[in-house]
Protein backbone atom coordinates (compact mmCIF):
# COMPACT_ATOMS: atom_id res chain seq x y z
CA UNK A 1 -6.61 -28.98 -3.16
CA UNK A 2 -3.21 -30.68 -3.31
CA UNK A 3 -0.54 -30.29 -0.79
CA UNK A 4 1.76 -28.26 -3.22
CA UNK A 5 -0.98 -25.60 -3.65
CA UNK A 6 -1.71 -25.47 0.25
CA UNK A 7 2.04 -25.08 0.88
CA UNK A 8 2.24 -22.26 -1.51
CA UNK A 9 -0.38 -20.40 -0.04
CA UNK A 10 0.80 -20.72 3.32
CA UNK A 11 4.55 -19.56 1.92
CA UNK A 12 2.96 -16.76 0.20
CA UNK A 13 1.08 -15.44 3.11
CA UNK A 14 4.33 -15.76 4.97
CA UNK A 15 6.37 -13.69 2.62
CA UNK A 16 3.87 -10.85 2.33
CA UNK A 17 3.14 -10.65 6.06
CA UNK A 18 7.02 -10.54 6.60
CA UNK A 19 7.38 -7.63 3.98
CA UNK A 20 4.60 -5.74 5.66
CA UNK A 21 6.35 -6.57 9.03
CA UNK A 22 8.90 -3.76 8.18
CA UNK A 23 6.01 -1.23 9.05
CA UNK A 24 7.01 -2.07 12.65
CA UNK A 25 10.71 -2.07 12.16
CA UNK A 26 13.76 -4.04 10.61
CA UNK A 27 13.32 -7.58 11.75
CA UNK A 28 14.48 -10.93 10.72
CA UNK A 29 11.12 -11.63 8.90
CA UNK A 30 11.68 -8.76 6.53
CA UNK A 31 15.34 -9.87 6.12
CA UNK A 32 14.17 -13.35 5.42
CA UNK A 33 11.64 -12.22 2.82
CA UNK A 34 14.52 -9.67 1.39
CA UNK A 35 17.12 -12.24 0.76
CA UNK A 36 14.50 -14.71 -0.85
CA UNK A 37 13.29 -12.08 -3.09
CA UNK A 38 16.70 -11.24 -4.34
CA UNK A 39 18.07 -14.49 -4.53
CA UNK A 40 15.17 -15.97 -6.58
CA UNK A 41 14.89 -12.87 -8.85
CA UNK A 42 18.80 -13.31 -9.54
CA UNK A 43 18.23 -16.87 -10.34
CA UNK A 44 15.43 -16.40 -12.29
CA UNK A 45 16.68 -13.94 -14.57
CA UNK A 46 20.20 -15.54 -14.85
CA UNK A 47 18.37 -18.57 -15.93
CA UNK A 48 15.89 -16.63 -18.34
CA UNK A 49 19.04 -14.73 -19.72
CA UNK A 50 21.04 -17.86 -20.64
CA UNK A 51 18.23 -19.87 -22.14
CA UNK A 52 16.90 -17.06 -24.27
CA UNK A 53 20.24 -15.09 -25.29
CA UNK A 54 23.33 -16.86 -24.64
CA UNK A 55 22.47 -20.54 -25.47
CA UNK A 56 20.61 -19.50 -28.89
CA UNK A 57 22.39 -16.66 -29.94
CA UNK A 58 25.91 -17.58 -28.86
CA UNK A 59 26.26 -21.07 -28.66
CA UNK A 60 23.98 -21.36 -31.63
CA UNK A 61 25.99 -19.25 -34.09
CA UNK A 62 29.34 -21.06 -32.76
CA UNK A 63 28.07 -24.42 -32.92
CA UNK A 64 25.09 -24.54 -35.44
CA UNK A 65 23.74 -28.02 -36.70
CA UNK A 66 25.00 -28.91 -40.28
CA UNK A 67 22.79 -29.33 -43.04
CA UNK A 68 20.41 -32.41 -42.94
CA UNK A 69 22.39 -35.16 -44.96
CA UNK A 70 25.83 -33.77 -44.70
CA UNK A 71 28.65 -34.48 -42.38
CA UNK A 72 31.50 -32.37 -40.92
CA UNK A 73 34.66 -32.49 -43.13
CA UNK A 74 38.06 -30.98 -42.81
CA UNK A 75 40.41 -31.26 -39.59
CA UNK A 76 39.69 -27.81 -38.14
CA UNK A 77 35.62 -28.13 -38.27
CA UNK A 78 35.86 -31.80 -36.66
CA UNK A 79 37.97 -30.50 -34.13
CA UNK A 80 35.57 -27.64 -33.40
CA UNK A 81 32.79 -29.73 -33.11
CA UNK A 82 34.86 -32.11 -31.04
CA UNK A 83 34.96 -29.47 -28.47
CA UNK A 84 31.22 -29.23 -28.85
CA UNK A 85 30.68 -32.70 -28.31
CA UNK A 86 32.89 -32.65 -25.36
CA UNK A 87 30.75 -29.95 -23.70
CA UNK A 88 27.88 -31.94 -24.81
CA UNK A 89 29.07 -34.91 -22.45
CA UNK A 90 29.05 -32.62 -19.47
CA UNK A 91 26.25 -30.23 -20.39
CA UNK A 92 23.90 -32.28 -22.84
CA UNK A 93 20.72 -30.10 -22.15
CA UNK A 94 22.85 -26.95 -23.20
CA UNK A 95 24.81 -28.68 -26.25
CA UNK A 96 22.42 -31.36 -27.64
CA UNK A 97 23.74 -33.88 -30.24
CA UNK A 98 24.37 -32.53 -33.60
CA UNK A 99 24.54 -28.84 -33.11
CA UNK A 100 22.25 -26.01 -32.01
CA UNK A 101 19.44 -25.26 -34.62
CA UNK A 102 18.07 -21.79 -33.37
CA UNK A 103 17.74 -20.58 -37.17
CA UNK A 104 20.97 -18.92 -37.60
CA UNK A 105 22.25 -21.00 -40.51
CA UNK A 106 24.46 -23.80 -40.65
CA UNK A 107 27.92 -22.51 -40.90
CA UNK A 108 29.59 -21.43 -37.66
CA UNK A 109 30.11 -17.68 -36.91
CA UNK A 110 33.36 -17.47 -35.45
CA UNK A 111 33.21 -13.90 -35.00
CA UNK A 112 31.26 -14.71 -31.93
CA UNK A 113 34.29 -15.87 -30.31
CA UNK A 114 34.93 -12.50 -29.13
CA UNK A 115 31.89 -11.73 -27.19
CA UNK A 116 32.53 -15.42 -25.83
CA UNK A 117 36.19 -14.46 -24.74
CA UNK A 118 34.92 -11.19 -23.40
CA UNK A 119 32.25 -12.92 -21.03
CA UNK A 120 34.70 -15.33 -20.01
CA UNK A 121 36.98 -12.23 -18.88
CA UNK A 122 33.96 -10.72 -16.77
CA UNK A 123 33.51 -14.26 -14.91
CA UNK A 124 37.06 -13.55 -13.75
CA UNK A 125 36.14 -10.66 -11.62
CA UNK A 126 35.45 -13.28 -8.84
CA UNK A 127 39.17 -13.83 -8.55
CA UNK A 128 41.17 -10.96 -7.07
CA UNK A 129 44.38 -11.82 -8.81
CA UNK A 130 42.55 -11.99 -12.22
CA UNK A 131 39.82 -9.32 -11.86
CA UNK A 132 41.73 -6.66 -13.92
CA UNK A 133 41.14 -9.11 -16.99
CA UNK A 134 37.20 -8.35 -16.38
CA UNK A 135 37.85 -4.75 -17.21
CA UNK A 136 38.26 -5.37 -20.86
CA UNK A 137 34.47 -7.01 -21.02
CA UNK A 138 32.83 -4.47 -18.92
CA UNK A 139 34.68 -1.59 -20.77
CA UNK A 140 33.18 -2.98 -23.90
CA UNK A 141 29.68 -3.87 -22.64
CA UNK A 142 29.52 -0.46 -21.33
CA UNK A 143 30.58 1.35 -24.23
CA UNK A 144 28.70 -0.65 -26.59
CA UNK A 145 25.54 -0.17 -24.36
CA UNK A 146 26.07 3.53 -23.74
CA UNK A 147 26.14 3.65 -27.61
CA UNK A 148 23.20 1.85 -28.35
CA UNK A 149 21.16 3.32 -25.73
CA UNK A 150 22.31 6.98 -26.71
CA UNK A 151 21.18 6.36 -30.42
CA UNK A 152 17.88 4.65 -29.37
CA UNK A 153 17.12 7.61 -26.77
CA UNK A 154 17.89 10.07 -29.39
CA UNK A 155 15.94 8.53 -31.85
CA UNK A 156 12.64 7.65 -29.95
CA UNK A 157 12.84 10.44 -26.70
CA UNK A 158 14.59 13.69 -28.06
CA UNK A 159 13.64 13.61 -31.89
CA UNK A 160 10.09 12.46 -30.79
CA UNK A 161 9.85 15.20 -28.28
CA UNK A 162 10.77 17.72 -30.76
CA UNK A 163 8.24 16.49 -33.30
CA UNK A 164 5.65 16.43 -30.53
CA UNK A 165 6.75 20.23 -29.75
CA UNK A 166 6.39 21.20 -33.20
CA UNK A 167 3.00 22.32 -33.27
CA UNK A 168 0.96 24.60 -35.68
CA UNK A 169 -0.24 28.05 -34.52
CA UNK A 170 -0.72 30.09 -37.79
CA UNK A 171 -2.43 29.23 -41.17
CA UNK A 172 -5.39 27.66 -39.34
CA UNK A 173 -9.21 28.09 -40.36
CA UNK A 174 -10.86 30.81 -38.47
CA UNK A 175 -13.19 28.42 -36.62
CA UNK A 176 -10.50 25.90 -35.59
CA UNK A 177 -8.82 29.07 -33.69
CA UNK A 178 -11.41 28.88 -31.36
CA UNK A 179 -11.26 24.94 -30.77
CA UNK A 180 -9.46 23.02 -28.31
CA UNK A 181 -6.56 22.29 -30.52
CA UNK A 182 -4.98 25.73 -30.39
CA UNK A 183 -5.24 26.01 -26.63
CA UNK A 184 -3.53 22.73 -26.25
CA UNK A 185 -0.81 23.71 -28.61
CA UNK A 186 -0.24 27.03 -26.90
CA UNK A 187 0.20 24.96 -23.55
CA UNK A 188 2.68 22.47 -25.40
CA UNK A 189 4.78 25.71 -26.61
CA UNK A 190 4.88 27.34 -23.41
CA UNK A 191 5.83 24.48 -21.21
CA UNK A 192 8.26 23.20 -23.51
CA UNK A 193 10.01 26.91 -24.01
CA UNK A 194 9.74 27.65 -20.17
CA UNK A 195 10.74 24.28 -19.25
CA UNK A 196 13.96 24.33 -21.33
CA UNK A 197 14.81 27.90 -19.98
CA UNK A 198 14.57 26.65 -16.64
CA UNK A 199 17.78 24.58 -17.37
CA UNK A 200 19.55 27.73 -18.97
CA UNK A 201 22.12 28.84 -16.40
CA UNK A 202 24.58 31.05 -18.21
CA UNK A 203 22.19 33.97 -17.02
CA UNK A 204 20.88 34.57 -13.62
CA UNK A 205 17.25 33.81 -13.49
CA UNK A 206 16.01 37.57 -12.86
CA UNK A 207 13.66 39.75 -14.59
CA UNK A 208 11.45 38.50 -17.45
CA UNK A 209 13.70 35.35 -17.70
CA UNK A 210 12.79 34.53 -13.95
CA UNK A 211 9.29 34.66 -14.45
CA UNK A 212 9.37 32.57 -17.40
CA UNK A 213 11.47 30.01 -15.56
CA UNK A 214 9.05 30.26 -12.71
CA UNK A 215 6.15 29.08 -15.31
CA UNK A 216 8.71 26.07 -16.36
CA UNK A 217 8.97 25.18 -12.71
CA UNK A 218 5.14 24.88 -12.54
CA UNK A 219 4.92 22.64 -15.53
CA UNK A 220 7.77 20.62 -14.49
CA UNK A 221 6.17 19.93 -11.14
CA UNK A 222 2.67 19.27 -12.78
CA UNK A 223 4.66 16.52 -15.03
CA UNK A 224 6.27 14.99 -12.06
CA UNK A 225 3.40 15.07 -10.03
CA UNK A 226 1.54 13.23 -12.86
CA UNK A 227 4.38 10.52 -13.13
CA UNK A 228 4.51 10.07 -9.54
CA UNK A 229 0.73 9.61 -9.15
CA UNK A 230 0.98 7.03 -12.11
CA UNK A 231 3.46 5.22 -10.37
CA UNK A 232 1.50 5.50 -6.96
CA UNK A 233 -1.63 3.97 -8.73
CA UNK A 234 0.28 1.17 -10.17
CA UNK A 235 1.75 0.42 -6.63
CA UNK A 236 -1.54 0.86 -5.10
CA UNK A 237 -2.99 -1.79 -7.47
CA UNK A 238 -0.38 -4.18 -6.67
CA UNK A 239 -1.12 -3.85 -2.76
CA UNK A 240 -4.80 -4.24 -3.32
CA UNK A 241 -3.78 -7.54 -5.12
CA UNK A 242 -1.81 -8.84 -2.05
CA UNK A 243 -4.54 -8.02 0.35
CA UNK A 244 -7.02 -9.72 -1.80
CA UNK A 245 -4.79 -12.75 -1.85
CA UNK A 246 -4.32 -12.36 2.03
CA UNK A 247 -8.17 -12.34 2.51
CA UNK A 248 -8.47 -15.55 0.18
CA UNK A 249 -5.69 -17.25 2.11
CA UNK A 250 -7.57 -16.37 5.38
CA UNK A 251 -10.48 -18.64 4.61
CA UNK A 252 -11.30 -22.28 5.84
CA UNK A 253 -10.16 -23.27 2.16
CA UNK A 254 -6.65 -22.59 2.97
CA UNK A 255 -7.06 -23.56 6.79
CA UNK A 256 -6.83 -20.10 7.89
CA UNK A 257 -3.13 -19.49 6.76
CA UNK A 258 -2.99 -15.65 7.06
CA UNK A 259 -4.46 -15.56 10.28
CA UNK A 260 -2.10 -18.35 11.87
CA UNK A 261 0.81 -16.86 10.12
CA UNK A 262 0.15 -13.36 11.33
CA UNK A 263 -0.69 -14.82 14.83
CA UNK A 264 2.83 -16.64 14.61
CA UNK A 265 4.77 -13.66 13.59
CA UNK A 266 3.25 -11.49 16.10
CA UNK A 267 4.33 -13.75 18.89
CA UNK A 268 7.69 -14.26 17.64
CA UNK A 269 8.19 -10.47 17.00
CA UNK A 270 6.98 -9.82 20.74
CA UNK A 271 9.53 -12.23 22.13
CA UNK A 272 12.24 -11.08 20.01
CA UNK A 273 11.56 -7.26 20.95
CA UNK A 274 11.67 -8.60 24.52
CA UNK A 275 14.91 -10.19 24.35
CA UNK A 276 16.24 -7.09 22.38
CA UNK A 277 15.58 -4.96 25.17
CA UNK A 278 16.96 -6.88 28.05
CA UNK A 279 20.90 -6.27 26.92
CA UNK A 280 20.22 -2.71 26.36
CA UNK A 281 19.09 -2.38 30.04
CA UNK A 282 21.95 -4.12 31.34
């Protein structure tokens, strides 16, 4: 085992135990792990988004590589690719020589200047005097995302739920009436109608409507409970994975990393707790 693997094991054990230390109370170890997690996640997703979206889909359409064997002609095109070459001197990995070949053709799509400008305006939000200009890019992004998500949600969830709830209860063979399909269809029908009536607030939920909405509450609680249980199962599997790694890192192969890190953290937390109590007593 090389030094990098050993260091990674010790660091992983420290971060895992630092997060578990929150069970005691909020402490510096937990804050360190929290800040590292947020910072690394932000940096990782920013890098992934840039290299998978901005560089190929934005810059790749604004400055695509020309067709092989052809040269850039025209004053405007030479000026346009001159700007690209200037960027290439500063950022050669982002703007390689000869343009960006990402399968978007060989002619520039100047329409993508609009999202480029809106993205630059959004970056101006870090400046107080120019932060108002970021509202243009934010408003466009929120509006487009809301429209696209509304269509996707309506098409996949709402219409899909309606199709799934449109069950057949009549014109079935006699023997199938005794099977599980009719029982399942009745459960779907009753659960859908009673669940929807629970959110009908134009009339007080009393009498027959109150009894039906109470059935809807039962269906909703079963649904929420099943979803919560499924989420807990996923988190428990992650917890088991972390415990498995801690046990592995506590072996002699990793020089008992988990045990030494745990001992050091306990000693430091005890000292920190005692020092924190002294000013309160004074």
